[in-house]
Amino acid sequence: MEHYTNTEMIVREDILAKTKELAELLTTSSEVQFFQQAEKQINQNEHIQSLIQAMKKKQKEIVAFEKFDNEIMVKKIEKEIEDLQDELDNIPIVSEFQQSQADINYLLQLVMGVIRDTIADKITVESGSAQPPSSCSE
């Protein structure tokens, strides 16, 4: 039985080629296409970008007030961040973008599950031994 080191497994050209092919195919999915369009719109939207920048500024303020143990200001700024986040979440393209992220994550988990299940059908993972091929003559 052949044994492979981690390095050899990583550089198996046939596996890498098929992986790149699958990745390319996934980038053409409607989920990824929508994600890219939404991301572009978000990046070009001045109002959304100003909300994001305001939230980042508030997060830095929280860190500063935490260093001085000023819990009152931390709570006040956390509320301001929550309000900014609510405003951001109520912008349709933002919620659509967040949904597209979830859709892509689901798609990737689905692909990984199919790969895992297909491999599990071929080998016994616990013992690391290969399943003998089924024969019609049995």
C-alpha atoms as a PDB file:
ATOM      1  CA  MET A   1       0.000   0.000   0.000  1.00  0.00           C
ATOM      2  CA  GLU A   2       1.299   3.417  -0.945  1.00  0.00           C
ATOM      3  CA  HIS A   3       1.762   6.026   1.753  1.00  0.00           C
ATOM      4  CA  TYR A   4       1.779   9.746   1.152  1.00  0.00           C
ATOM      5  CA  THR A   5       3.273  12.475   3.263  1.00  0.00           C
ATOM      6  CA  ASN A   6       1.257  15.632   3.907  1.00  0.00           C
ATOM      7  CA  THR A   7       3.374  17.438   1.345  1.00  0.00           C
ATOM      8  CA  GLU A   8       2.687  14.836  -1.311  1.00  0.00           C
ATOM      9  CA  MET A   9      -1.047  14.997  -0.621  1.00  0.00           C
ATOM     10  CA  ILE A  10      -1.041  18.760  -0.909  1.00  0.00           C
ATOM     11  CA  VAL A  11       0.688  18.811  -4.285  1.00  0.00           C
ATOM     12  CA  ARG A  12      -1.208  16.009  -6.004  1.00  0.00           C
ATOM     13  CA  GLU A  13      -1.753  17.663  -9.352  1.00  0.00           C
ATOM     14  CA  ASP A  14      -4.919  15.769 -10.284  1.00  0.00           C
ATOM     15  CA  ILE A  15      -6.632  16.702  -7.023  1.00  0.00           C
ATOM     16  CA  LEU A  16      -5.525  20.319  -7.268  1.00  0.00           C
ATOM     17  CA  ALA A  17      -6.699  20.559 -10.870  1.00  0.00           C
ATOM     18  CA  LYS A  18     -10.156  19.201 -10.026  1.00  0.00           C
ATOM     19  CA  THR A  19     -10.350  21.456  -6.961  1.00  0.00           C
ATOM     20  CA  LYS A  20      -9.570  24.519  -9.075  1.00  0.00           C
ATOM     21  CA  GLU A  21     -12.128  23.379 -11.635  1.00  0.00           C
ATOM     22  CA  LEU A  22     -14.775  23.032  -8.913  1.00  0.00           C
ATOM     23  CA  ALA A  23     -13.845  26.429  -7.439  1.00  0.00           C
ATOM     24  CA  GLU A  24     -14.167  28.036 -10.870  1.00  0.00           C
ATOM     25  CA  LEU A  25     -17.545  26.377 -11.358  1.00  0.00           C
ATOM     26  CA  LEU A  26     -18.717  27.651  -7.959  1.00  0.00           C
ATOM     27  CA  THR A  27     -17.740  31.222  -8.869  1.00  0.00           C
ATOM     28  CA  THR A  28     -20.195  31.045 -11.759  1.00  0.00           C
ATOM     29  CA  SER A  29     -23.089  30.106  -9.451  1.00  0.00           C
ATOM     30  CA  SER A  30     -25.943  32.569  -9.091  1.00  0.00           C
ATOM     31  CA  GLU A  31     -25.183  32.867  -5.363  1.00  0.00           C
ATOM     32  CA  VAL A  32     -21.621  34.029  -5.971  1.00  0.00           C
ATOM     33  CA  GLN A  33     -22.644  36.289  -8.853  1.00  0.00           C
ATOM     34  CA  PHE A  34     -25.255  38.013  -6.675  1.00  0.00           C
ATOM     35  CA  PHE A  35     -22.774  38.327  -3.790  1.00  0.00           C
ATOM     36  CA  GLN A  36     -20.257  40.059  -6.055  1.00  0.00           C
ATOM     37  CA  GLN A  37     -22.862  42.470  -7.435  1.00  0.00           C
ATOM     38  CA  ALA A  38     -24.155  43.316  -3.957  1.00  0.00           C
ATOM     39  CA  GLU A  39     -20.628  43.799  -2.630  1.00  0.00           C
ATOM     40  CA  LYS A  40     -19.859  46.217  -5.459  1.00  0.00           C
ATOM     41  CA  GLN A  41     -23.034  48.214  -4.758  1.00  0.00           C
ATOM     42  CA  ILE A  42     -22.236  48.358  -1.051  1.00  0.00           C
ATOM     43  CA  ASN A  43     -18.669  49.498  -1.694  1.00  0.00           C
ATOM     44  CA  GLN A  44     -19.926  52.270  -3.983  1.00  0.00           C
ATOM     45  CA  ASN A  45     -22.720  53.472  -1.674  1.00  0.00           C
ATOM     46  CA  GLU A  46     -21.545  56.531   0.265  1.00  0.00           C
ATOM     47  CA  HIS A  47     -24.247  56.276   2.944  1.00  0.00           C
ATOM     48  CA  ILE A  48     -23.426  52.630   3.680  1.00  0.00           C
ATOM     49  CA  GLN A  49     -19.708  53.376   3.765  1.00  0.00           C
ATOM     50  CA  SER A  50     -20.239  56.295   6.161  1.00  0.00           C
ATOM     51  CA  LEU A  51     -22.244  54.022   8.493  1.00  0.00           C
ATOM     52  CA  ILE A  52     -19.486  51.410   8.402  1.00  0.00           C
ATOM     53  CA  GLN A  53     -16.833  54.036   9.120  1.00  0.00           C
ATOM     54  CA  ALA A  54     -18.893  55.454  11.996  1.00  0.00           C
ATOM     55  CA  MET A  55     -19.207  51.960  13.495  1.00  0.00           C
ATOM     56  CA  LYS A  56     -15.445  51.397  13.225  1.00  0.00           C
ATOM     57  CA  LYS A  57     -14.820  54.731  14.931  1.00  0.00           C
ATOM     58  CA  LYS A  58     -17.248  53.844  17.727  1.00  0.00           C
ATOM     59  CA  GLN A  59     -15.556  50.455  18.201  1.00  0.00           C
ATOM     60  CA  LYS A  60     -12.223  52.234  18.685  1.00  0.00           C
ATOM     61  CA  GLU A  61     -13.875  54.553  21.192  1.00  0.00           C
ATOM     62  CA  ILE A  62     -15.139  51.546  23.144  1.00  0.00           C
ATOM     63  CA  VAL A  63     -11.610  50.149  23.377  1.00  0.00           C
ATOM     64  CA  ALA A  64     -10.347  53.486  24.691  1.00  0.00           C
ATOM     65  CA  PHE A  65     -13.100  53.775  27.321  1.00  0.00           C
ATOM     66  CA  GLU A  66     -12.607  50.144  28.372  1.00  0.00           C
ATOM     67  CA  LYS A  67      -8.967  50.961  29.133  1.00  0.00           C
ATOM     68  CA  PHE A  68     -10.187  53.671  31.518  1.00  0.00           C
ATOM     69  CA  ASP A  69     -12.862  51.364  33.013  1.00  0.00           C
ATOM     70  CA  ASN A  70     -15.568  53.809  31.974  1.00  0.00           C
ATOM     71  CA  GLU A  71     -18.500  51.376  31.782  1.00  0.00           C
ATOM     72  CA  ILE A  72     -21.084  54.145  31.355  1.00  0.00           C
ATOM     73  CA  MET A  73     -19.461  55.416  28.156  1.00  0.00           C
ATOM     74  CA  VAL A  74     -18.897  51.866  26.913  1.00  0.00           C
ATOM     75  CA  LYS A  75     -22.618  51.109  27.298  1.00  0.00           C
ATOM     76  CA  LYS A  76     -23.549  54.412  25.626  1.00  0.00           C
ATOM     77  CA  ILE A  77     -21.298  53.746  22.637  1.00  0.00           C
ATOM     78  CA  GLU A  78     -22.446  50.117  22.379  1.00  0.00           C
ATOM     79  CA  LYS A  79     -26.002  51.444  22.045  1.00  0.00           C
ATOM     80  CA  GLU A  80     -24.865  53.887  19.345  1.00  0.00           C
ATOM     81  CA  ILE A  81     -23.194  51.032  17.460  1.00  0.00           C
ATOM     82  CA  GLU A  82     -26.354  48.935  17.796  1.00  0.00           C
ATOM     83  CA  ASP A  83     -28.399  51.823  16.346  1.00  0.00           C
ATOM     84  CA  LEU A  84     -25.950  52.197  13.451  1.00  0.00           C
ATOM     85  CA  GLN A  85     -26.082  48.432  12.850  1.00  0.00           C
ATOM     86  CA  ASP A  86     -29.889  48.523  12.818  1.00  0.00           C
ATOM     87  CA  GLU A  87     -29.835  51.345  10.288  1.00  0.00           C
ATOM     88  CA  LEU A  88     -27.362  49.403   8.155  1.00  0.00           C
ATOM     89  CA  ASP A  89     -29.388  46.180   8.409  1.00  0.00           C
ATOM     90  CA  ASN A  90     -32.513  48.008   7.223  1.00  0.00           C
ATOM     91  CA  ILE A  91     -30.908  48.943   3.913  1.00  0.00           C
ATOM     92  CA  PRO A  92     -32.202  46.372   1.402  1.00  0.00           C
ATOM     93  CA  ILE A  93     -28.907  45.765  -0.416  1.00  0.00           C
ATOM     94  CA  VAL A  94     -27.162  45.115   2.911  1.00  0.00           C
ATOM     95  CA  SER A  95     -29.686  42.514   4.006  1.00  0.00           C
ATOM     96  CA  GLU A  96     -29.548  40.944   0.529  1.00  0.00           C
ATOM     97  CA  PHE A  97     -25.741  40.885   0.768  1.00  0.00           C
ATOM     98  CA  GLN A  98     -25.910  39.217   4.179  1.00  0.00           C
ATOM     99  CA  GLN A  99     -28.355  36.641   2.794  1.00  0.00           C
ATOM    100  CA  SER A 100     -26.047  35.984  -0.157  1.00  0.00           C
ATOM    101  CA  GLN A 101     -23.186  35.344   2.300  1.00  0.00           C
ATOM    102  CA  ALA A 102     -25.360  32.795   4.084  1.00  0.00           C
ATOM    103  CA  ASP A 103     -26.324  31.228   0.745  1.00  0.00           C
ATOM    104  CA  ILE A 104     -22.681  30.876  -0.308  1.00  0.00           C
ATOM    105  CA  ASN A 105     -21.786  29.404   3.075  1.00  0.00           C
ATOM    106  CA  TYR A 106     -24.609  26.881   2.696  1.00  0.00           C
ATOM    107  CA  LEU A 107     -23.435  26.027  -0.835  1.00  0.00           C
ATOM    108  CA  LEU A 108     -19.862  25.465   0.371  1.00  0.00           C
ATOM    109  CA  GLN A 109     -21.049  23.343   3.302  1.00  0.00           C
ATOM    110  CA  LEU A 110     -23.171  21.314   0.888  1.00  0.00           C
ATOM    111  CA  VAL A 111     -20.185  20.704  -1.396  1.00  0.00           C
ATOM    112  CA  MET A 112     -17.988  19.733   1.561  1.00  0.00           C
ATOM    113  CA  GLY A 113     -20.711  17.401   2.823  1.00  0.00           C
ATOM    114  CA  VAL A 114     -20.969  15.660  -0.540  1.00  0.00           C
ATOM    115  CA  ILE A 115     -17.177  15.255  -0.656  1.00  0.00           C
ATOM    116  CA  ARG A 116     -17.095  13.957   2.915  1.00  0.00           C
ATOM    117  CA  ASP A 117     -19.981  11.542   2.340  1.00  0.00           C
ATOM    118  CA  THR A 118     -18.524  10.282  -0.924  1.00  0.00           C
ATOM    119  CA  ILE A 119     -15.178   9.606   0.726  1.00  0.00           C
ATOM    120  CA  ALA A 120     -16.867   8.013   3.742  1.00  0.00           C
ATOM    121  CA  ASP A 121     -18.697   5.652   1.375  1.00  0.00           C
ATOM    122  CA  LYS A 122     -15.332   4.516   0.008  1.00  0.00           C
ATOM    123  CA  ILE A 123     -13.350   4.136   3.241  1.00  0.00           C
ATOM    124  CA  THR A 124     -13.898   3.312   6.856  1.00  0.00           C
ATOM    125  CA  VAL A 125     -12.718   6.532   8.447  1.00  0.00           C
ATOM    126  CA  GLU A 126     -12.362   5.157  11.987  1.00  0.00           C
ATOM    127  CA  SER A 127      -9.936   2.388  11.032  1.00  0.00           C
ATOM    128  CA  GLY A 128      -8.532   4.077   7.975  1.00  0.00           C
ATOM    129  CA  SER A 129      -9.048   0.965   5.867  1.00  0.00           C
ATOM    130  CA  ALA A 130     -10.553   0.902   2.422  1.00  0.00           C
ATOM    131  CA  GLN A 131     -13.906  -0.758   1.885  1.00  0.00           C
ATOM    132  CA  PRO A 132     -13.616  -3.740  -0.445  1.00  0.00           C
ATOM    133  CA  PRO A 133     -15.328  -3.068  -3.758  1.00  0.00           C
ATOM    134  CA  SER A 134     -18.760  -4.623  -4.106  1.00  0.00           C
ATOM    135  CA  SER A 135     -18.954  -7.514  -6.461  1.00  0.00           C
ATOM    136  CA  CYS A 136     -22.019  -8.627  -8.372  1.00  0.00           C
ATOM    137  CA  SER A 137     -20.975 -12.274  -8.008  1.00  0.00           C
ATOM    138  CA  GLU A 138     -21.428 -12.303  -4.238  1.00  0.00           C
END
